[in-house]
């Protein structure tokens, strides 16, 4: 009976534990005795908790393709949008913790979500295991190409002059959302706890994902947005939008003429997007080790590095430890800024 159960698909962790996590042999090889080793079936599934078309979707699909080739199994992308990414993560965590469901983590669903008034229904440090980062990137503050605004100073002056707020687009709990909220507070030039101090009068319109924001900006439905630089490159190069500033600490090499927010009068301003692969807590340790090792090889590949450079993304530190450390820092940072700084309180 035990032999029949193994042949029907049980995972032999004692066999996996004898294999080096950095071994270059195919991870679906069969050990002696014919006992199946993960992954014994395909396809694997990568939950991307945002709709098709945005930065997260593109990064997730690239990772699924290259990681699938590395482990010798197909990885299908499953887009589940909503809740700034938290809906998809919560659904993925309902699946068995067996290594067949991967999760695209990121700043919104794994850090910012824990600072918001409505909890996401999971704890990223308790319920998830970090495998490694996929990208770090700047946001860019955009207006339409025909907008009279050309610098951050123009935006601040116009927002204070107008009787009604300037409309901007955002994906809830995204890095772009937080960048805009931080801009509103920092531009006030007074402590938000001070009586009579008010944020810059900008009014947000929420979107489920990043794919639609740029088109609505170009069509004039909104006047302003922060978006990941890789999403904006094509429209910037085509002259359909104009960049007022970037959210990184230094100017971006693909946009050397565009000032940072810090240079534009908001010292110390920096908000970066980031993403990484994760699995549910409880996934067998040998499976986690093999996934992390495979992801390290993917991130070190020439193909991945060239793709990231073309998109204007920064190659992040490799490995699960760097991912987990960044996650912990970002959760702490956004909890402090949201709670103590009054972000999203109005």
Protein backbone atom coordinates (compact mmCIF):
# COMPACT_ATOMS: atom_id res chain seq x y z
CA UNK A 1 0.00 0.00 0.00
CA UNK A 2 2.83 2.40 0.86
CA UNK A 3 4.59 1.62 -2.42
CA UNK A 4 1.39 2.30 -4.41
CA UNK A 5 0.89 5.63 -2.62
CA UNK A 6 4.40 6.74 -3.57
CA UNK A 7 3.87 5.85 -7.18
CA UNK A 8 0.70 7.96 -7.18
CA UNK A 9 2.58 11.13 -6.33
CA UNK A 10 3.97 11.55 -2.79
CA UNK A 11 6.92 13.86 -2.27
CA UNK A 12 10.02 12.15 -0.91
CA UNK A 13 11.70 14.88 1.09
CA UNK A 14 14.44 12.62 2.47
CA UNK A 15 15.62 12.03 -1.11
CA UNK A 16 15.55 15.73 -1.90
CA UNK A 17 17.50 16.63 1.21
CA UNK A 18 20.48 14.65 -0.05
CA UNK A 19 20.74 16.88 -3.10
CA UNK A 20 22.69 20.16 -3.05
CA UNK A 21 20.39 23.16 -3.58
CA UNK A 22 22.96 24.48 -6.04
CA UNK A 23 23.13 21.29 -8.09
CA UNK A 24 22.84 21.94 -11.80
CA UNK A 25 21.17 18.63 -12.61
CA UNK A 26 17.57 18.76 -13.80
CA UNK A 27 15.36 19.15 -10.75
CA UNK A 28 12.74 16.76 -12.08
CA UNK A 29 15.22 13.87 -12.31
CA UNK A 30 14.30 10.52 -10.79
CA UNK A 31 16.38 9.07 -7.94
CA UNK A 32 17.10 5.39 -7.60
CA UNK A 33 13.97 3.34 -7.00
CA UNK A 34 11.79 5.50 -9.21
CA UNK A 35 10.54 7.68 -6.35
CA UNK A 36 9.29 11.02 -7.67
CA UNK A 37 11.18 14.22 -6.86
CA UNK A 38 9.65 17.70 -6.98
CA UNK A 39 8.44 18.87 -9.40
CA UNK A 40 6.91 15.58 -10.50
CA UNK A 41 4.01 17.19 -12.39
CA UNK A 42 3.36 20.26 -14.46
CA UNK A 43 2.46 22.97 -14.80
CA UNK A 44 3.43 25.01 -11.77
CA UNK A 45 1.42 28.16 -11.16
CA UNK A 46 2.62 31.71 -10.52
CA UNK A 47 -0.04 33.97 -9.04
CA UNK A 48 0.49 37.55 -10.21
CA UNK A 49 -1.88 39.56 -8.02
CA UNK A 50 -2.53 42.27 -10.61
CA UNK A 51 -4.29 42.42 -14.00
CA UNK A 52 -2.54 41.84 -17.30
CA UNK A 53 -0.50 44.72 -18.73
CA UNK A 54 1.31 46.42 -15.87
CA UNK A 55 4.84 46.15 -14.52
CA UNK A 56 4.00 43.28 -12.16
CA UNK A 57 2.49 41.26 -14.99
CA UNK A 58 5.48 41.76 -17.28
CA UNK A 59 8.00 40.94 -14.56
CA UNK A 60 6.00 37.92 -13.46
CA UNK A 61 5.73 36.50 -16.97
CA UNK A 62 9.43 36.97 -17.60
CA UNK A 63 10.28 35.24 -14.33
CA UNK A 64 7.86 32.39 -15.04
CA UNK A 65 9.38 31.80 -18.46
CA UNK A 66 13.02 31.84 -17.36
CA UNK A 67 12.48 29.94 -14.09
CA UNK A 68 10.37 27.36 -15.89
CA UNK A 69 13.17 26.73 -18.33
CA UNK A 70 15.64 26.48 -15.45
CA UNK A 71 13.69 23.80 -13.57
CA UNK A 72 12.45 22.05 -16.70
CA UNK A 73 8.73 22.55 -16.05
CA UNK A 74 6.11 24.96 -17.35
CA UNK A 75 5.02 27.76 -15.02
CA UNK A 76 1.68 29.29 -15.93
CA UNK A 77 0.81 32.84 -14.86
CA UNK A 78 -2.52 33.35 -13.12
CA UNK A 79 -3.53 37.03 -12.87
CA UNK A 80 -5.76 37.70 -9.86
CA UNK A 81 -6.22 41.44 -9.34
CA UNK A 82 -7.83 43.44 -6.57
CA UNK A 83 -7.04 44.96 -3.21
CA UNK A 84 -3.69 46.36 -4.30
CA UNK A 85 -2.44 42.80 -4.76
CA UNK A 86 -3.73 41.40 -1.48
CA UNK A 87 -6.66 39.49 -3.07
CA UNK A 88 -4.37 37.38 -5.23
CA UNK A 89 -1.93 36.68 -2.40
CA UNK A 90 -4.77 35.61 -0.10
CA UNK A 91 -6.16 33.25 -2.75
CA UNK A 92 -2.74 31.75 -3.42
CA UNK A 93 -2.27 31.07 0.29
CA UNK A 94 -5.40 28.89 0.26
CA UNK A 95 -3.59 26.40 -1.98
CA UNK A 96 -1.45 23.54 -0.60
CA UNK A 97 2.02 24.61 0.50
CA UNK A 98 3.74 22.12 -1.77
CA UNK A 99 5.84 24.27 -4.11
CA UNK A 100 3.41 24.09 -7.02
CA UNK A 101 1.97 27.55 -6.36
CA UNK A 102 4.39 30.47 -6.51
CA UNK A 103 3.45 34.04 -5.60
CA UNK A 104 4.69 37.30 -7.04
CA UNK A 105 5.34 39.45 -3.99
CA UNK A 106 5.94 43.17 -4.01
CA UNK A 107 5.95 46.43 -2.13
CA UNK A 108 2.17 46.86 -2.22
CA UNK A 109 0.85 43.45 -1.29
CA UNK A 110 3.65 42.55 1.14
CA UNK A 111 4.66 45.82 2.79
CA UNK A 112 2.26 48.74 2.27
CA UNK A 113 -0.81 46.51 2.75
CA UNK A 114 0.21 45.85 6.35
CA UNK A 115 0.21 49.57 7.12
CA UNK A 116 -3.34 50.23 5.89
CA UNK A 117 -6.42 50.40 8.13
CA UNK A 118 -7.96 47.25 6.62
CA UNK A 119 -5.57 44.30 7.13
CA UNK A 120 -4.95 42.06 4.11
CA UNK A 121 -5.87 38.82 5.88
CA UNK A 122 -2.32 37.45 5.99
CA UNK A 123 1.03 38.34 7.52
CA UNK A 124 3.81 38.46 4.93
CA UNK A 125 6.54 37.68 7.46
CA UNK A 126 4.63 34.85 9.12
CA UNK A 127 2.73 33.27 6.22
CA UNK A 128 5.16 33.61 3.31
CA UNK A 129 8.74 32.59 2.49
CA UNK A 130 10.89 34.93 0.40
CA UNK A 131 12.81 33.23 -2.42
CA UNK A 132 14.54 36.21 -3.99
CA UNK A 133 14.00 39.64 -5.49
CA UNK A 134 13.14 40.14 -9.16
CA UNK A 135 13.53 43.89 -9.54
CA UNK A 136 13.98 47.28 -7.93
CA UNK A 137 12.80 50.31 -9.88
CA UNK A 138 12.01 54.01 -9.79
CA UNK A 139 8.64 55.65 -10.26
CA UNK A 140 8.26 58.64 -12.55
CA UNK A 141 5.85 61.55 -12.06
CA UNK A 142 4.02 62.08 -15.36
CA UNK A 143 1.72 64.58 -17.06
CA UNK A 144 0.41 64.70 -20.62
CA UNK A 145 2.82 65.95 -23.25
CA UNK A 146 0.71 69.06 -23.84
CA UNK A 147 0.45 69.93 -20.13
CA UNK A 148 1.73 73.38 -19.15
CA UNK A 149 3.44 71.76 -16.15
CA UNK A 150 7.14 71.14 -16.72
CA UNK A 151 8.62 70.88 -13.23
CA UNK A 152 7.52 69.78 -9.79
CA UNK A 153 7.48 73.42 -8.74
CA UNK A 154 4.90 74.12 -11.47
CA UNK A 155 2.67 71.33 -10.16
CA UNK A 156 2.81 72.58 -6.58
CA UNK A 157 2.04 76.15 -7.63
CA UNK A 158 -0.85 75.06 -9.87
CA UNK A 159 -2.37 72.81 -7.20
CA UNK A 160 -2.35 75.65 -4.68
CA UNK A 161 -3.79 78.13 -7.17
CA UNK A 162 -6.72 76.05 -8.45
CA UNK A 163 -10.08 76.09 -6.65
CA UNK A 164 -10.53 72.33 -7.25
CA UNK A 165 -8.00 69.50 -6.71
CA UNK A 166 -5.89 68.16 -9.57
CA UNK A 167 -6.96 64.61 -10.44
CA UNK A 168 -4.39 61.82 -10.37
CA UNK A 169 -4.59 58.07 -11.01
CA UNK A 170 -3.20 55.34 -8.77
CA UNK A 171 -3.30 51.64 -8.01
CA UNK A 172 -4.14 51.23 -4.31
CA UNK A 173 -1.22 50.38 -2.02
CA UNK A 174 1.29 50.55 -4.88
CA UNK A 175 4.63 52.33 -4.77
CA UNK A 176 3.16 54.99 -7.06
CA UNK A 177 0.26 55.49 -4.66
CA UNK A 178 2.60 55.94 -1.70
CA UNK A 179 4.85 58.24 -3.71
CA UNK A 180 1.89 60.51 -4.44
CA UNK A 181 0.68 60.46 -0.85
CA UNK A 182 4.17 61.26 0.37
CA UNK A 183 4.45 64.07 -2.18
CA UNK A 184 1.17 65.57 -0.97
CA UNK A 185 2.47 65.63 2.62
CA UNK A 186 6.02 66.74 1.90
CA UNK A 187 4.84 69.56 -0.35
CA UNK A 188 2.76 70.98 2.53
CA UNK A 189 6.01 72.34 4.02
CA UNK A 190 4.62 72.03 7.54
CA UNK A 191 4.12 69.13 9.99
CA UNK A 192 0.87 67.34 9.25
CA UNK A 193 0.13 67.31 12.99
CA UNK A 194 0.25 71.10 13.08
CA UNK A 195 -3.20 72.73 13.22
CA UNK A 196 -4.10 74.26 9.87
CA UNK A 197 -1.52 72.26 7.92
CA UNK A 198 -3.06 70.53 4.90
CA UNK A 199 -1.72 68.27 2.19
CA UNK A 200 -1.27 69.45 -1.38
CA UNK A 201 -4.79 69.45 -2.93
CA UNK A 202 -4.62 66.45 -5.25
CA UNK A 203 -7.53 64.01 -5.64
CA UNK A 204 -6.95 60.36 -6.54
CA UNK A 205 -8.87 57.96 -8.76
CA UNK A 206 -8.15 54.28 -7.99
CA UNK A 207 -7.44 51.65 -10.66
CA UNK A 208 -7.17 47.87 -10.30
CA UNK A 209 -3.82 47.71 -12.11
CA UNK A 210 -1.22 49.77 -13.90
CA UNK A 211 -2.13 48.85 -17.46
CA UNK A 212 -4.93 51.41 -17.82
CA UNK A 213 -3.47 54.38 -15.95
CA UNK A 214 -1.22 55.65 -18.71
CA UNK A 215 -3.88 55.51 -21.38
CA UNK A 216 -6.27 57.51 -19.24
CA UNK A 217 -3.55 60.07 -18.65
CA UNK A 218 -2.93 60.36 -22.39
CA UNK A 219 -6.68 60.59 -23.05
CA UNK A 220 -7.05 63.38 -20.50
CA UNK A 221 -9.22 61.53 -17.98
CA UNK A 222 -6.63 62.26 -15.29
CA UNK A 223 -3.94 64.93 -15.15
CA UNK A 224 -1.17 63.29 -13.19
CA UNK A 225 0.26 60.01 -11.96
CA UNK A 226 3.27 58.22 -10.55
CA UNK A 227 4.01 55.01 -12.45
CA UNK A 228 6.87 52.54 -12.69
CA UNK A 229 9.45 53.84 -15.14
CA UNK A 230 9.48 50.68 -17.25
CA UNK A 231 5.75 51.11 -17.90
CA UNK A 232 6.23 54.69 -19.05
CA UNK A 233 9.28 54.32 -21.31
CA UNK A 234 7.43 53.73 -24.59
CA UNK A 235 5.10 56.71 -24.08
CA UNK A 236 7.96 58.93 -22.93
CA UNK A 237 10.01 58.06 -26.01
CA UNK A 238 7.00 58.60 -28.28
CA UNK A 239 6.37 62.03 -26.76
CA UNK A 240 2.89 61.23 -25.47
CA UNK A 241 3.74 62.04 -21.83
CA UNK A 242 6.23 64.24 -19.98
CA UNK A 243 8.22 63.41 -16.85
CA UNK A 244 8.33 66.01 -14.08
CA UNK A 245 10.55 64.03 -11.69
CA UNK A 246 11.70 60.56 -10.66
CA UNK A 247 11.24 59.01 -7.22
CA UNK A 248 14.73 57.50 -6.90
CA UNK A 249 17.49 59.07 -4.83
CA UNK A 250 19.58 59.66 -7.97
CA UNK A 251 18.69 60.59 -11.53
CA UNK A 252 17.90 57.63 -13.74
CA UNK A 253 20.39 56.78 -16.51
CA UNK A 254 17.56 56.42 -19.04
CA UNK A 255 16.20 59.88 -18.10
CA UNK A 256 19.31 61.87 -17.17
CA UNK A 257 17.60 65.20 -17.86
CA UNK A 258 14.76 64.53 -15.36
CA UNK A 259 15.29 65.75 -11.79
CA UNK A 260 14.69 63.67 -8.69
CA UNK A 261 12.03 64.68 -6.17
CA UNK A 262 14.84 65.37 -3.73
CA UNK A 263 16.48 67.79 -6.18
CA UNK A 264 13.11 69.45 -6.80
CA UNK A 265 12.66 70.68 -3.26
CA UNK A 266 11.74 67.55 -1.26
CA UNK A 267 15.01 66.51 0.44
CA UNK A 268 15.39 62.81 1.23
CA UNK A 269 12.42 61.79 -0.94
CA UNK A 270 12.77 58.22 -2.26
CA UNK A 271 10.11 55.64 -3.09
CA UNK A 272 11.08 52.55 -5.08
CA UNK A 273 9.02 49.68 -6.42
CA UNK A 274 10.25 46.12 -5.94
CA UNK A 275 9.05 42.58 -6.45
CA UNK A 276 10.15 39.05 -5.69
CA UNK A 277 9.07 35.43 -5.75
CA UNK A 278 7.52 33.83 -2.67
CA UNK A 279 5.86 30.60 -1.55
CA UNK A 280 3.57 29.78 1.33
CA UNK A 281 5.05 29.04 4.74
CA UNK A 282 5.07 25.27 5.19
CA UNK A 283 6.50 24.55 1.75
CA UNK A 284 9.08 21.74 2.27
CA UNK A 285 12.57 23.11 2.90
CA UNK A 286 14.24 21.12 0.08
CA UNK A 287 11.74 22.56 -2.39
CA UNK A 288 12.38 26.09 -1.10
CA UNK A 289 16.13 25.56 -1.43
CA UNK A 290 15.87 24.34 -5.00
CA UNK A 291 13.60 27.21 -6.00
CA UNK A 292 15.93 29.77 -4.45
CA UNK A 293 18.96 28.22 -6.16
CA UNK A 294 17.18 28.15 -9.53
CA UNK A 295 16.08 31.76 -9.12
CA UNK A 296 19.65 32.82 -8.32
CA UNK A 297 20.78 31.29 -11.61
CA UNK A 298 17.96 33.01 -13.49
CA UNK A 299 18.81 36.42 -12.04
CA UNK A 300 22.48 35.94 -12.88
CA UNK A 301 21.71 35.02 -16.49
CA UNK A 302 22.66 37.36 -19.32
CA UNK A 303 19.11 37.20 -20.68
CA UNK A 304 17.57 38.48 -17.46
CA UNK A 305 20.17 41.19 -16.96
CA UNK A 306 19.78 42.53 -20.50
CA UNK A 307 16.00 42.59 -20.18
CA UNK A 308 16.15 44.49 -16.91
CA UNK A 309 18.60 47.02 -18.27
CA UNK A 310 16.39 47.66 -21.29
CA UNK A 311 13.42 48.28 -18.96
CA UNK A 312 15.37 50.66 -16.73
CA UNK A 313 15.19 48.31 -13.75
CA UNK A 314 17.95 47.79 -11.19
CA UNK A 315 19.37 44.33 -10.58
CA UNK A 316 18.59 43.63 -6.89
CA UNK A 317 20.74 41.75 -4.37
CA UNK A 318 20.43 38.02 -4.95
CA UNK A 319 18.96 35.42 -2.63
CA UNK A 320 16.25 34.81 -0.09
CA UNK A 321 18.01 36.59 2.77
CA UNK A 322 18.27 39.91 0.90
CA UNK A 323 14.60 39.61 -0.07
CA UNK A 324 13.50 38.91 3.51
CA UNK A 325 15.57 41.79 4.88
CA UNK A 326 14.11 44.26 2.38
CA UNK A 327 10.62 43.02 3.18
CA UNK A 328 11.11 43.61 6.92
CA UNK A 329 12.55 47.10 6.34
CA UNK A 330 9.74 48.12 4.02
CA UNK A 331 6.99 46.91 6.34
CA UNK A 332 8.50 48.94 9.17
CA UNK A 333 9.00 52.01 6.95
CA UNK A 334 5.47 52.18 5.61
CA UNK A 335 3.84 51.42 8.92
CA UNK A 336 5.72 54.34 10.43
CA UNK A 337 4.94 56.73 7.56
CA UNK A 338 1.28 55.77 7.28
CA UNK A 339 0.55 55.80 11.00
CA UNK A 340 2.83 58.56 12.24
CA UNK A 341 2.91 60.72 9.13
CA UNK A 342 -0.80 60.78 8.49
CA UNK A 343 -0.56 59.29 5.01
CA UNK A 344 -3.95 58.23 3.67
CA UNK A 345 -5.75 59.59 6.72
CA UNK A 346 -7.81 62.09 4.72
